Amino acid sequence: MQKWARYLVVFVWATVSVLSVSLLHSSHVFNPNPQGRWVLTHIIDPVDNENKRIEDYLLQRHSVKAFDELVILLKPNMELRKNLEKQGYIVSFGNIETLLDHDPNFQSPYFLVTSPRGEGVYAGNYGVKIQDLEIAQSYFSNKILSNFPISGCGNSVRAQKFFDPQSIILAHRGEP
């Protein structure tokens, strides 16, 4: 075989190999978690007045389809659960006593934004005027709100480790 033919065979083999590996790997690079979505978690205690403001706000709007929205009620309230589910939210119950055992400084309402990779990117309050969607959109579009005016009860970051929103949503959908 001539020398140029060998170079051609090696070139074609190398090109096909690189393209094959690139195609197999590209789905992981461009979509690291194809099943994962941004999750907005609202943790409320239905008997507290500040929580009532968040509860009313959530009931007045529908769940936003761009995100998975999870509401964790710290005290069982079946009527509230049913009304929130009608608005498109995924609703789960949490135990305030167990939460306080893990984090005695926790105070509701509590808002958590979780990335598709399961990383908590925001944990805290809603703001003077409820700005949950603005906060989430800022992280979703990589434009962090530097002047976000936080008000209300302080919250500990340790509390976000107590909840696993991605797992709750997958369990709700019946996925492993």
Protein backbone atom coordinates (compact mmCIF):
# COMPACT_ATOMS: atom_id res chain seq x y z
CA MET A 1 0.00 0.00 0.00
CA GLN A 2 1.26 3.43 -0.79
CA LYS A 3 2.36 5.79 1.97
CA TRP A 4 -0.43 8.34 1.30
CA ALA A 5 -3.09 5.57 1.52
CA ARG A 6 -1.87 4.63 5.03
CA TYR A 7 -2.12 8.27 6.11
CA LEU A 8 -5.62 8.45 4.66
CA VAL A 9 -6.74 5.29 6.51
CA VAL A 10 -5.30 6.59 9.83
CA PHE A 11 -6.91 10.00 9.25
CA VAL A 12 -10.36 8.47 8.53
CA TRP A 13 -10.07 6.10 11.52
CA ALA A 14 -9.09 8.95 13.86
CA THR A 15 -11.88 11.21 12.58
CA VAL A 16 -14.55 8.50 12.96
CA SER A 17 -13.28 7.62 16.45
CA VAL A 18 -13.30 11.21 17.67
CA LEU A 19 -16.76 11.87 16.21
CA SER A 20 -18.18 8.69 17.76
CA VAL A 21 -16.87 9.49 21.22
CA SER A 22 -18.02 13.12 20.88
CA LEU A 23 -21.56 12.11 19.99
CA LEU A 24 -21.76 9.67 22.88
CA HIS A 25 -20.45 12.25 25.33
CA SER A 26 -22.27 15.35 24.03
CA SER A 27 -25.59 14.51 25.65
CA HIS A 28 -23.89 14.63 29.07
CA VAL A 29 -22.13 17.89 28.35
CA PHE A 30 -25.13 19.81 27.06
CA ASN A 31 -27.73 18.27 29.35
CA PRO A 32 -26.11 17.10 32.58
CA ASN A 33 -29.35 15.82 34.10
CA PRO A 34 -32.01 15.27 31.43
CA GLN A 35 -34.67 14.43 34.03
CA GLY A 36 -33.76 17.25 36.40
CA ARG A 37 -35.56 20.57 36.44
CA TRP A 38 -35.26 23.70 38.52
CA VAL A 39 -37.27 23.26 41.71
CA LEU A 40 -38.95 25.99 43.73
CA THR A 41 -39.70 24.77 47.24
CA HIS A 42 -42.08 26.70 49.47
CA ILE A 43 -42.04 25.58 53.12
CA ILE A 44 -44.95 27.00 55.07
CA ASP A 45 -46.63 26.56 58.43
CA PRO A 46 -50.38 27.03 57.81
CA VAL A 47 -51.05 28.46 61.30
CA ASP A 48 -48.59 31.39 61.17
CA ASN A 49 -49.70 34.84 59.87
CA GLU A 50 -46.57 35.48 57.75
CA ASN A 51 -47.04 32.02 56.27
CA LYS A 52 -50.68 32.84 55.53
CA ARG A 53 -49.49 35.66 53.24
CA ILE A 54 -47.38 33.16 51.24
CA GLU A 55 -50.18 30.60 51.25
CA ASP A 56 -52.68 33.14 49.86
CA TYR A 57 -50.17 34.24 47.24
CA LEU A 58 -49.58 30.66 46.06
CA LEU A 59 -53.32 29.99 45.90
CA GLN A 60 -53.85 33.10 43.75
CA ARG A 61 -51.44 31.98 41.03
CA HIS A 62 -50.85 28.69 39.27
CA SER A 63 -47.64 26.72 39.50
CA VAL A 64 -45.17 27.94 36.88
CA LYS A 65 -44.57 25.29 34.22
CA ALA A 66 -40.91 26.27 33.70
CA PHE A 67 -40.13 24.92 37.18
CA ASP A 68 -41.24 22.10 39.44
CA GLU A 69 -42.96 23.79 42.37
CA LEU A 70 -43.11 21.95 45.66
CA VAL A 71 -45.01 23.12 48.74
CA ILE A 72 -44.11 21.49 52.04
CA LEU A 73 -46.73 22.04 54.72
CA LEU A 74 -45.29 21.80 58.22
CA LYS A 75 -48.69 20.97 59.72
CA PRO A 76 -51.22 18.67 58.03
CA ASN A 77 -54.02 20.56 56.30
CA MET A 78 -55.86 18.42 53.76
CA GLU A 79 -58.07 21.24 52.43
CA LEU A 80 -55.05 23.47 51.78
CA ARG A 81 -53.23 20.54 50.18
CA LYS A 82 -56.14 19.90 47.82
CA ASN A 83 -56.41 23.60 46.88
CA LEU A 84 -52.68 23.88 46.20
CA GLU A 85 -52.71 20.72 44.08
CA LYS A 86 -55.57 22.21 42.01
CA GLN A 87 -53.20 25.11 41.25
CA GLY A 88 -50.58 22.64 39.95
CA TYR A 89 -48.25 22.42 42.96
CA ILE A 90 -46.75 19.22 44.28
CA VAL A 91 -47.63 19.13 47.99
CA SER A 92 -45.94 17.18 50.76
CA PHE A 93 -46.14 17.26 54.53
CA GLY A 94 -43.15 17.90 56.78
CA ASN A 95 -42.76 17.62 60.52
CA ILE A 96 -41.88 20.88 62.25
CA GLU A 97 -40.68 19.16 65.42
CA THR A 98 -38.25 16.91 63.54
CA LEU A 99 -37.06 19.89 61.53
CA LEU A 100 -36.48 21.94 64.67
CA ASP A 101 -34.53 19.01 66.18
CA HIS A 102 -32.17 19.24 63.19
CA ASP A 103 -32.13 23.03 63.04
CA PRO A 104 -33.46 24.88 66.10
CA ASN A 105 -33.09 28.25 64.29
CA PHE A 106 -35.41 27.34 61.41
CA GLN A 107 -38.32 29.71 60.84
CA SER A 108 -40.96 29.56 58.17
CA PRO A 109 -41.87 30.68 55.59
CA TYR A 110 -38.82 29.36 53.83
CA PHE A 111 -38.04 29.47 50.13
CA LEU A 112 -35.51 27.25 48.40
CA VAL A 113 -34.36 27.23 44.77
CA THR A 114 -32.70 24.00 43.66
CA SER A 115 -30.82 23.57 40.37
CA PRO A 116 -31.36 20.57 38.08
CA ARG A 117 -28.20 19.07 39.60
CA GLY A 118 -29.81 19.15 43.05
CA GLU A 119 -27.73 22.07 44.35
CA GLY A 120 -29.45 24.57 46.60
CA VAL A 121 -28.71 27.93 44.95
CA TYR A 122 -30.96 30.11 47.12
CA ALA A 123 -32.36 29.56 50.60
CA GLY A 124 -34.15 32.22 52.56
CA ASN A 125 -37.00 34.67 52.53
CA TYR A 126 -39.44 35.87 49.92
CA GLY A 127 -38.85 39.61 50.32
CA VAL A 128 -41.04 42.51 51.40
CA LYS A 129 -43.22 41.98 48.39
CA ILE A 130 -43.17 38.32 47.46
CA GLN A 131 -40.42 37.89 44.85
CA ASP A 132 -40.05 34.12 44.56
CA LEU A 133 -40.41 34.05 40.78
CA GLU A 134 -37.98 36.94 40.33
CA ILE A 135 -35.42 35.20 42.56
CA ALA A 136 -35.81 31.89 40.72
CA GLN A 137 -35.69 33.51 37.30
CA SER A 138 -32.50 35.34 38.23
CA TYR A 139 -30.74 32.05 39.04
CA PHE A 140 -32.34 30.28 36.09
CA SER A 141 -30.96 32.94 33.73
CA ASN A 142 -27.65 33.41 35.62
CA LYS A 143 -28.49 37.01 36.54
CA ILE A 144 -28.26 37.10 40.32
CA LEU A 145 -30.25 39.86 41.99
CA SER A 146 -27.56 41.72 43.90
CA ASN A 147 -29.92 44.21 45.48
CA PHE A 148 -32.61 41.77 46.62
CA PRO A 149 -34.16 43.30 49.75
CA ILE A 150 -34.55 40.45 52.25
CA SER A 151 -36.97 40.98 55.09
CA GLY A 152 -38.81 38.88 57.61
CA CYS A 153 -37.54 35.97 59.67
CA GLY A 154 -33.95 34.83 59.37
CA ASN A 155 -33.34 31.27 58.27
CA SER A 156 -30.46 28.85 58.71
CA VAL A 157 -28.81 27.33 55.65
CA ARG A 158 -28.67 24.02 57.54
CA ALA A 159 -32.41 23.64 57.03
CA GLN A 160 -32.02 23.29 53.27
CA LYS A 161 -30.02 20.08 53.86
CA PHE A 162 -33.00 18.63 55.74
CA PHE A 163 -35.16 18.69 52.62
CA ASP A 164 -34.44 16.90 49.36
CA PRO A 165 -36.88 18.47 46.86
CA GLN A 166 -35.68 16.42 43.88
CA SER A 167 -36.40 13.14 45.74
CA ILE A 168 -39.86 14.30 46.85
CA ILE A 169 -40.76 15.24 43.28
CA LEU A 170 -39.43 11.97 41.83
CA ALA A 171 -41.38 10.01 44.46
CA HIS A 172 -44.50 12.02 43.60
CA ARG A 173 -44.08 11.06 39.94
CA GLY A 174 -43.39 7.42 40.85
CA GLU A 175 -39.83 7.54 39.46
CA PRO A 176 -36.94 5.73 41.17
